[in-house]
C-alpha atoms as a PDB file:
ATOM      1  CA  MET A   1      87.264 343.221  90.199  1.00  0.00           C
ATOM      2  CA  SER A   2      88.615 339.733  89.527  1.00  0.00           C
ATOM      3  CA  SER A   3      86.533 337.188  87.605  1.00  0.00           C
ATOM      4  CA  TRP A   4      86.235 334.979  90.746  1.00  0.00           C
ATOM      5  CA  ILE A   5      84.896 337.844  92.881  1.00  0.00           C
ATOM      6  CA  LEU A   6      82.559 338.888  90.064  1.00  0.00           C
ATOM      7  CA  ALA A   7      81.212 335.359  89.639  1.00  0.00           C
ATOM      8  CA  LYS A   8      80.681 335.025  93.387  1.00  0.00           C
ATOM      9  CA  SER A   9      78.924 338.387  93.497  1.00  0.00           C
ATOM     10  CA  ASN A  10      76.645 337.460  90.590  1.00  0.00           C
ATOM     11  CA  LEU A  11      75.801 334.105  92.194  1.00  0.00           C
ATOM     12  CA  LYS A  12      74.828 335.829  95.426  1.00  0.00           C
ATOM     13  CA  ASN A  13      72.683 338.347  93.574  1.00  0.00           C
ATOM     14  CA  ASN A  14      70.955 335.606  91.571  1.00  0.00           C
ATOM     15  CA  LEU A  15      69.891 333.629  94.649  1.00  0.00           C
ATOM     16  CA  LYS A  16      66.168 334.010  95.089  1.00  0.00           C
ATOM     17  CA  PRO A  17      65.026 334.908  98.604  1.00  0.00           C
ATOM     18  CA  ILE A  18      62.866 332.324 100.377  1.00  0.00           C
ATOM     19  CA  ARG A  19      59.254 333.462 100.167  1.00  0.00           C
ATOM     20  CA  THR A  20      57.622 330.454 101.782  1.00  0.00           C
ATOM     21  CA  TYR A  21      58.811 327.404 103.690  1.00  0.00           C
ATOM     22  CA  HIS A  22      57.510 324.188 105.205  1.00  0.00           C
ATOM     23  CA  THR A  23      58.145 323.152 108.802  1.00  0.00           C
ATOM     24  CA  THR A  24      58.040 319.564 110.027  1.00  0.00           C
ATOM     25  CA  ALA A  25      57.435 320.797 113.585  1.00  0.00           C
ATOM     26  CA  THR A  26      53.658 320.813 113.011  1.00  0.00           C
ATOM     27  CA  SER A  27      53.426 317.151 111.900  1.00  0.00           C
ATOM     28  CA  ILE A  28      51.660 314.970 114.474  1.00  0.00           C
ATOM     29  CA  ASP A  29      53.755 311.808 113.958  1.00  0.00           C
ATOM     30  CA  ILE A  30      56.544 310.364 111.810  1.00  0.00           C
ATOM     31  CA  PRO A  31      54.389 309.139 108.890  1.00  0.00           C
ATOM     32  CA  SER A  32      52.631 312.529 108.840  1.00  0.00           C
ATOM     33  CA  LEU A  33      56.019 314.249 108.753  1.00  0.00           C
ATOM     34  CA  TYR A  34      56.851 312.502 105.461  1.00  0.00           C
ATOM     35  CA  MET A  35      53.356 312.885 104.006  1.00  0.00           C
ATOM     36  CA  ASP A  36      53.157 316.600 104.893  1.00  0.00           C
ATOM     37  CA  PHE A  37      56.624 317.120 103.446  1.00  0.00           C
ATOM     38  CA  LEU A  38      55.606 315.371 100.212  1.00  0.00           C
ATOM     39  CA  ALA A  39      52.618 317.691  99.926  1.00  0.00           C
ATOM     40  CA  ALA A  40      54.941 320.691 100.403  1.00  0.00           C
ATOM     41  CA  TYR A  41      57.323 319.304  97.774  1.00  0.00           C
ATOM     42  CA  ILE A  42      54.510 318.869  95.238  1.00  0.00           C
ATOM     43  CA  TYR A  43      53.201 322.363  95.983  1.00  0.00           C
ATOM     44  CA  THR A  44      56.575 324.054  95.447  1.00  0.00           C
ATOM     45  CA  GLN A  45      57.248 322.035  92.287  1.00  0.00           C
ATOM     46  CA  LYS A  46      53.912 323.215  90.919  1.00  0.00           C
ATOM     47  CA  MET A  47      54.862 326.788  91.859  1.00  0.00           C
ATOM     48  CA  GLY A  48      58.249 326.422  90.134  1.00  0.00           C
ATOM     49  CA  GLU A  49      60.223 326.890  93.355  1.00  0.00           C
ATOM     50  CA  PRO A  50      62.614 324.761  95.430  1.00  0.00           C
ATOM     51  CA  CYS A  51      61.098 323.237  98.549  1.00  0.00           C
ATOM     52  CA  ALA A  52      62.466 325.074 101.597  1.00  0.00           C
ATOM     53  CA  VAL A  53      62.044 322.997 104.760  1.00  0.00           C
ATOM     54  CA  PHE A  54      62.801 323.684 108.399  1.00  0.00           C
ATOM     55  CA  ASP A  55      63.236 320.247 109.965  1.00  0.00           C
ATOM     56  CA  PRO A  56      64.062 320.486 113.694  1.00  0.00           C
ATOM     57  CA  SER A  57      63.653 316.705 114.010  1.00  0.00           C
ATOM     58  CA  ASN A  58      66.484 316.165 111.484  1.00  0.00           C
ATOM     59  CA  LEU A  59      64.606 313.086 110.219  1.00  0.00           C
ATOM     60  CA  LEU A  60      64.461 314.243 106.606  1.00  0.00           C
ATOM     61  CA  THR A  61      68.155 315.111 106.552  1.00  0.00           C
ATOM     62  CA  SER A  62      69.190 311.810 108.114  1.00  0.00           C
ATOM     63  CA  SER A  63      66.967 309.556 105.995  1.00  0.00           C
ATOM     64  CA  LEU A  64      66.595 311.093 102.523  1.00  0.00           C
ATOM     65  CA  LYS A  65      69.046 311.316  99.633  1.00  0.00           C
ATOM     66  CA  TYR A  66      70.230 314.737  98.529  1.00  0.00           C
ATOM     67  CA  ASN A  67      67.811 316.447  96.172  1.00  0.00           C
ATOM     68  CA  PRO A  68      68.740 319.841  94.652  1.00  0.00           C
ATOM     69  CA  GLN A  69      65.057 320.787  94.664  1.00  0.00           C
ATOM     70  CA  ILE A  70      64.925 320.458  98.471  1.00  0.00           C
ATOM     71  CA  LYS A  71      66.600 323.078 100.645  1.00  0.00           C
ATOM     72  CA  ILE A  72      66.895 322.088 104.308  1.00  0.00           C
ATOM     73  CA  LEU A  73      67.009 325.237 106.438  1.00  0.00           C
ATOM     74  CA  LYS A  74      69.261 325.413 109.490  1.00  0.00           C
ATOM     75  CA  GLU A  75      67.150 328.066 111.185  1.00  0.00           C
ATOM     76  CA  VAL A  76      63.676 329.550 110.946  1.00  0.00           C
ATOM     77  CA  PRO A  77      63.665 332.083 108.080  1.00  0.00           C
ATOM     78  CA  SER A  78      61.834 335.387 107.915  1.00  0.00           C
ATOM     79  CA  ALA A  79      59.332 333.915 105.474  1.00  0.00           C
ATOM     80  CA  ILE A  80      55.772 332.610 105.456  1.00  0.00           C
ATOM     81  CA  THR A  81      54.871 329.037 106.361  1.00  0.00           C
ATOM     82  CA  VAL A  82      52.351 327.457 104.025  1.00  0.00           C
ATOM     83  CA  PRO A  83      49.492 325.704 105.886  1.00  0.00           C
ATOM     84  CA  ASN A  84      48.488 322.146 105.017  1.00  0.00           C
ATOM     85  CA  SER A  85      45.103 323.467 103.880  1.00  0.00           C
ATOM     86  CA  THR A  86      46.857 325.143 100.935  1.00  0.00           C
ATOM     87  CA  TYR A  87      48.619 321.914 100.011  1.00  0.00           C
ATOM     88  CA  LYS A  88      45.385 319.973 100.380  1.00  0.00           C
ATOM     89  CA  ALA A  89      43.506 322.179  97.931  1.00  0.00           C
ATOM     90  CA  LEU A  90      46.107 321.323  95.286  1.00  0.00           C
ATOM     91  CA  ILE A  91      46.588 317.638  96.163  1.00  0.00           C
ATOM     92  CA  GLU A  92      42.880 316.805  96.092  1.00  0.00           C
ATOM     93  CA  THR A  93      42.734 317.484  92.338  1.00  0.00           C
ATOM     94  CA  MET A  94      45.676 315.171  91.566  1.00  0.00           C
ATOM     95  CA  LYS A  95      45.619 311.523  90.527  1.00  0.00           C
ATOM     96  CA  PHE A  96      47.251 309.017  92.875  1.00  0.00           C
ATOM     97  CA  THR A  97      49.624 307.883  90.113  1.00  0.00           C
ATOM     98  CA  ASP A  98      50.888 311.460  89.714  1.00  0.00           C
ATOM     99  CA  ILE A  99      51.410 311.829  93.474  1.00  0.00           C
ATOM    100  CA  ARG A 100      53.468 308.623  93.457  1.00  0.00           C
ATOM    101  CA  LYS A 101      55.698 310.054  90.721  1.00  0.00           C
ATOM    102  CA  TYR A 102      56.533 313.036  92.930  1.00  0.00           C
ATOM    103  CA  ALA A 103      57.050 310.701  95.894  1.00  0.00           C
ATOM    104  CA  ALA A 104      59.671 308.747  93.941  1.00  0.00           C
ATOM    105  CA  PHE A 105      61.845 311.887  93.859  1.00  0.00           C
ATOM    106  CA  ALA A 106      61.010 313.434  97.233  1.00  0.00           C
ATOM    107  CA  LEU A 107      61.021 310.258  99.351  1.00  0.00           C
ATOM    108  CA  GLU A 108      64.175 308.575  98.102  1.00  0.00           C
ATOM    109  CA  PHE A 109      65.941 307.123 101.145  1.00  0.00           C
ATOM    110  CA  ASN A 110      69.705 307.141 101.555  1.00  0.00           C
ATOM    111  CA  THR A 111      72.102 304.221 101.999  1.00  0.00           C
ATOM    112  CA  GLY A 112      72.622 304.817 105.717  1.00  0.00           C
ATOM    113  CA  PHE A 113      68.878 304.654 106.359  1.00  0.00           C
ATOM    114  CA  HIS A 114      68.564 301.377 104.436  1.00  0.00           C
ATOM    115  CA  GLN A 115      71.445 299.873 106.435  1.00  0.00           C
ATOM    116  CA  SER A 116      69.706 300.853 109.691  1.00  0.00           C
ATOM    117  CA  ILE A 117      66.621 298.979 108.499  1.00  0.00           C
ATOM    118  CA  VAL A 118      68.705 295.898 107.667  1.00  0.00           C
ATOM    119  CA  ASN A 119      70.287 296.019 111.128  1.00  0.00           C
ATOM    120  CA  VAL A 120      66.862 296.027 112.809  1.00  0.00           C
ATOM    121  CA  LEU A 121      65.694 293.021 110.784  1.00  0.00           C
ATOM    122  CA  GLU A 122      68.890 291.094 111.435  1.00  0.00           C
ATOM    123  CA  LYS A 123      68.681 291.790 115.165  1.00  0.00           C
ATOM    124  CA  ALA A 124      65.108 290.460 115.205  1.00  0.00           C
ATOM    125  CA  SER A 125      66.165 287.452 113.063  1.00  0.00           C
ATOM    126  CA  ILE A 126      63.622 288.367 110.394  1.00  0.00           C
ATOM    127  CA  LYS A 127      64.900 286.878 107.148  1.00  0.00           C
ATOM    128  CA  SER A 128      61.870 285.324 105.471  1.00  0.00           C
ATOM    129  CA  LEU A 129      59.474 286.922 103.034  1.00  0.00           C
ATOM    130  CA  PHE A 130      55.833 287.291 104.002  1.00  0.00           C
ATOM    131  CA  ASP A 131      52.702 286.395 102.085  1.00  0.00           C
ATOM    132  CA  VAL A 132      50.569 289.151 103.534  1.00  0.00           C
ATOM    133  CA  GLY A 133      50.799 292.082 105.929  1.00  0.00           C
ATOM    134  CA  ILE A 134      48.045 293.359 108.215  1.00  0.00           C
ATOM    135  CA  HIS A 135      47.718 296.325 110.540  1.00  0.00           C
ATOM    136  CA  ILE A 136      45.515 295.512 113.517  1.00  0.00           C
ATOM    137  CA  THR A 137      44.046 298.820 114.654  1.00  0.00           C
ATOM    138  CA  THR A 138      41.739 300.049 117.394  1.00  0.00           C
ATOM    139  CA  SER A 139      39.331 301.553 114.851  1.00  0.00           C
ATOM    140  CA  VAL A 140      38.155 298.038 113.974  1.00  0.00           C
ATOM    141  CA  HIS A 141      36.083 296.718 116.869  1.00  0.00           C
ATOM    142  CA  THR A 142      36.326 293.050 116.013  1.00  0.00           C
ATOM    143  CA  LEU A 143      39.246 290.875 114.992  1.00  0.00           C
ATOM    144  CA  ASP A 144      36.887 288.859 112.789  1.00  0.00           C
ATOM    145  CA  VAL A 145      37.445 291.439 110.037  1.00  0.00           C
ATOM    146  CA  TYR A 146      41.091 290.390 109.802  1.00  0.00           C
ATOM    147  CA  ILE A 147      40.356 286.689 110.240  1.00  0.00           C
ATOM    148  CA  ASN A 148      37.792 286.672 107.441  1.00  0.00           C
ATOM    149  CA  ALA A 149      40.026 288.689 105.116  1.00  0.00           C
ATOM    150  CA  LEU A 150      42.965 286.323 105.640  1.00  0.00           C
ATOM    151  CA  LYS A 151      40.728 283.316 105.000  1.00  0.00           C
ATOM    152  CA  ASP A 152      39.523 284.981 101.818  1.00  0.00           C
ATOM    153  CA  TYR A 153      43.098 285.666 100.676  1.00  0.00           C
ATOM    154  CA  GLN A 154      44.225 282.130 101.484  1.00  0.00           C
ATOM    155  CA  LYS A 155      41.332 280.699  99.494  1.00  0.00           C
ATOM    156  CA  LYS A 156      41.970 282.934  96.473  1.00  0.00           C
ATOM    157  CA  SER A 157      45.737 282.402  96.530  1.00  0.00           C
ATOM    158  CA  LYS A 158      45.383 278.637  97.079  1.00  0.00           C
ATOM    159  CA  LYS A 159      48.239 278.710  99.590  1.00  0.00           C
ATOM    160  CA  ASN A 160      48.261 275.920 102.148  1.00  0.00           C
ATOM    161  CA  ASN A 161      50.151 278.080 104.631  1.00  0.00           C
ATOM    162  CA  LEU A 162      50.392 281.815 105.193  1.00  0.00           C
ATOM    163  CA  THR A 163      53.250 283.796 106.692  1.00  0.00           C
ATOM    164  CA  VAL A 164      51.661 286.963 108.054  1.00  0.00           C
ATOM    165  CA  TYR A 165      53.449 290.121 109.108  1.00  0.00           C
ATOM    166  CA  VAL A 166      51.441 291.913 111.803  1.00  0.00           C
ATOM    167  CA  LEU A 167      51.796 295.630 112.459  1.00  0.00           C
ATOM    168  CA  ALA A 168      50.371 296.313 115.923  1.00  0.00           C
ATOM    169  CA  ASP A 169      50.784 298.746 118.810  1.00  0.00           C
ATOM    170  CA  SER A 170      51.706 295.958 121.208  1.00  0.00           C
ATOM    171  CA  TYR A 171      52.664 292.303 121.090  1.00  0.00           C
ATOM    172  CA  SER A 172      49.756 291.470 123.418  1.00  0.00           C
ATOM    173  CA  THR A 173      47.450 292.406 120.545  1.00  0.00           C
ATOM    174  CA  VAL A 174      49.300 289.949 118.308  1.00  0.00           C
ATOM    175  CA  LEU A 175      48.988 287.175 120.897  1.00  0.00           C
ATOM    176  CA  GLU A 176      45.262 287.860 121.289  1.00  0.00           C
ATOM    177  CA  PHE A 177      44.815 287.715 117.535  1.00  0.00           C
ATOM    178  CA  GLN A 178      46.852 284.502 117.298  1.00  0.00           C
ATOM    179  CA  LYS A 179      44.301 282.675 119.454  1.00  0.00           C
ATOM    180  CA  LEU A 180      41.741 283.139 116.665  1.00  0.00           C
ATOM    181  CA  CYS A 181      44.038 282.290 113.758  1.00  0.00           C
ATOM    182  CA  ASP A 182      44.037 279.203 111.594  1.00  0.00           C
ATOM    183  CA  PRO A 183      46.884 276.777 112.501  1.00  0.00           C
ATOM    184  CA  SER A 184      48.251 277.176 108.971  1.00  0.00           C
ATOM    185  CA  TRP A 185      49.071 280.850 109.634  1.00  0.00           C
ATOM    186  CA  LYS A 186      52.431 281.908 111.021  1.00  0.00           C
ATOM    187  CA  LEU A 187      52.468 285.380 112.595  1.00  0.00           C
ATOM    188  CA  ILE A 188      55.576 287.539 112.893  1.00  0.00           C
ATOM    189  CA  SER A 189      55.733 291.053 114.352  1.00  0.00           C
ATOM    190  CA  LEU A 190      58.469 293.469 115.366  1.00  0.00           C
ATOM    191  CA  SER A 191      56.186 294.579 118.205  1.00  0.00           C
ATOM    192  CA  LYS A 192      57.674 291.609 120.061  1.00  0.00           C
ATOM    193  CA  TYR A 193      60.853 293.702 120.358  1.00  0.00           C
ATOM    194  CA  PRO A 194      59.686 297.160 121.492  1.00  0.00           C
ATOM    195  CA  PRO A 195      62.448 299.789 121.216  1.00  0.00           C
ATOM    196  CA  VAL A 196      63.245 302.063 124.149  1.00  0.00           C
ATOM    197  CA  HIS A 197      65.223 304.985 122.742  1.00  0.00           C
ATOM    198  CA  GLY A 198      63.736 307.620 120.427  1.00  0.00           C
ATOM    199  CA  PRO A 199      66.011 306.971 117.405  1.00  0.00           C
ATOM    200  CA  ASP A 200      65.314 303.229 117.707  1.00  0.00           C
ATOM    201  CA  VAL A 201      61.553 303.869 117.730  1.00  0.00           C
ATOM    202  CA  PHE A 202      61.889 305.784 114.466  1.00  0.00           C
ATOM    203  CA  ILE A 203      64.041 303.151 112.754  1.00  0.00           C
ATOM    204  CA  GLN A 204      61.803 300.251 113.855  1.00  0.00           C
ATOM    205  CA  MET A 205      58.650 302.011 112.694  1.00  0.00           C
ATOM    206  CA  MET A 206      60.242 302.723 109.317  1.00  0.00           C
ATOM    207  CA  ALA A 207      61.454 299.115 109.137  1.00  0.00           C
ATOM    208  CA  GLU A 208      57.841 298.005 109.498  1.00  0.00           C
ATOM    209  CA  VAL A 209      56.791 300.427 106.771  1.00  0.00           C
ATOM    210  CA  GLN A 210      59.459 298.990 104.465  1.00  0.00           C
ATOM    211  CA  ILE A 211      58.382 295.409 105.213  1.00  0.00           C
ATOM    212  CA  MET A 212      54.716 296.136 104.553  1.00  0.00           C
ATOM    213  CA  ALA A 213      55.421 298.186 101.421  1.00  0.00           C
ATOM    214  CA  SER A 214      57.141 295.205  99.800  1.00  0.00           C
ATOM    215  CA  LEU A 215      54.344 292.661 100.301  1.00  0.00           C
ATOM    216  CA  PRO A 216      51.978 291.431  97.568  1.00  0.00           C
ATOM    217  CA  ALA A 217      48.919 291.393  99.856  1.00  0.00           C
ATOM    218  CA  LEU A 218      47.851 293.925 102.501  1.00  0.00           C
ATOM    219  CA  LEU A 219      45.051 294.673 104.965  1.00  0.00           C
ATOM    220  CA  LEU A 220      45.250 298.349 105.905  1.00  0.00           C
ATOM    221  CA  ASP A 221      43.236 301.017 107.702  1.00  0.00           C
ATOM    222  CA  PHE A 222      43.354 304.421 106.010  1.00  0.00           C
ATOM    223  CA  ASN A 223      42.239 306.128 109.219  1.00  0.00           C
ATOM    224  CA  TYR A 224      45.931 305.784 110.118  1.00  0.00           C
ATOM    225  CA  THR A 225      48.571 307.864 108.365  1.00  0.00           C
ATOM    226  CA  VAL A 226      51.105 305.034 108.577  1.00  0.00           C
ATOM    227  CA  ASP A 227      48.811 302.814 106.484  1.00  0.00           C
ATOM    228  CA  ARG A 228      48.357 305.486 103.823  1.00  0.00           C
ATOM    229  CA  PHE A 229      52.143 305.960 103.889  1.00  0.00           C
ATOM    230  CA  ILE A 230      52.660 302.221 103.347  1.00  0.00           C
ATOM    231  CA  TYR A 231      50.232 302.254 100.425  1.00  0.00           C
ATOM    232  CA  LEU A 232      52.032 305.248  98.883  1.00  0.00           C
ATOM    233  CA  LEU A 233      55.419 303.502  99.108  1.00  0.00           C
ATOM    234  CA  HIS A 234      54.117 300.107  97.969  1.00  0.00           C
ATOM    235  CA  ARG A 235      56.655 298.668  95.524  1.00  0.00           C
ATOM    236  CA  THR A 236      54.940 295.711  93.814  1.00  0.00           C
ATOM    237  CA  LYS A 237      53.384 296.396  90.421  1.00  0.00           C
ATOM    238  CA  LYS A 238      50.055 294.855  91.321  1.00  0.00           C
ATOM    239  CA  PHE A 239      48.455 293.574  94.505  1.00  0.00           C
ATOM    240  CA  GLU A 240      47.581 289.889  94.764  1.00  0.00           C
ATOM    241  CA  PHE A 241      45.097 290.961  97.413  1.00  0.00           C
ATOM    242  CA  PHE A 242      44.215 294.262  99.056  1.00  0.00           C
ATOM    243  CA  LYS A 243      41.571 295.296 101.555  1.00  0.00           C
ATOM    244  CA  GLU A 244      41.029 298.592 103.320  1.00  0.00           C
ATOM    245  CA  VAL A 245      39.118 297.519 106.428  1.00  0.00           C
ATOM    246  CA  ASN A 246      36.805 300.559 106.469  1.00  0.00           C
ATOM    247  CA  ASP A 247      36.327 300.891 102.696  1.00  0.00           C
ATOM    248  CA  LEU A 248      37.959 304.321 102.793  1.00  0.00           C
ATOM    249  CA  PRO A 249      39.672 305.868  99.760  1.00  0.00           C
ATOM    250  CA  TRP A 250      43.400 306.736  99.918  1.00  0.00           C
ATOM    251  CA  TYR A 251      44.320 310.352 100.622  1.00  0.00           C
ATOM    252  CA  LEU A 252      47.562 312.228 101.305  1.00  0.00           C
ATOM    253  CA  LEU A 253      46.397 314.858 103.808  1.00  0.00           C
END
C-alpha cells in the first residue's frame, strides 16, 4: 500500500464519529439562533469536542468566519441533538466575562457580512455616530421610562444635544416617541426603511445589532433576545450609561 493511500486510510480511521449535534432549526428567531449556537459551542468546548451544527437556514455559514472547532453539517446525522436545557445547566454556572471570551471565537463575522452591513448603512445614509441607543419595546407600558432615562443620561453626560439611535418594530413607534422628546434630541432609526425580502430583513436586523453594540450608552430590555445579543456583542470597554428597563439580569438562554 502506498504512503498516500495509507495516510488517507489512517486519517479516515482517526475521524471521530459525531455523537451529538446542534440544530439551528429549533431557534425561535435570528438572535436566538446565534445565542443558542454559542451555548452549543461552549458546551462542546467544555466536553472537548468540535461543535457539530446542522444549519438549514445557512445563516451561520454565510455570516461567520471559518473556525476549525465548528463543523457545519450538510445533512442531518444519525446522532443525538442536545437540548437547550443541557446547555443552560452549564451556562448558568459561568461568569459573563467567560461567556464573552467564547463568543469572541464563535461569533466572529466574516468580511462579506461586514460589507453587507456597510451597504445597508450607506443606502440609508447613516454616517454619523450616535450618543445613545434605545430599544422601544412593548413590554414597557409607558414611553416615560425612555424619556426619563435619556434626560438622566443627558444630564450626567453634560451634552447639549443627543443623537439617539432607536431600535423599534415600526417607524410609527419612533414618530410617537418623537412627540415626547426634548428638542435637543435627534432620533434616527432604520425602521424608517423596512426591508421586504427575507435576506434583507436578516441583514438590516444585524446592522441594527452592530450599530447598538458600538454605542457608549444603551437602554435595553432583556426580555428580548436581541437586546441580550447586543449586550453580549458590545464592543466598548466601559459604558458611559446603561439601563435595563426592567432591572433584569443578563442571561444567555
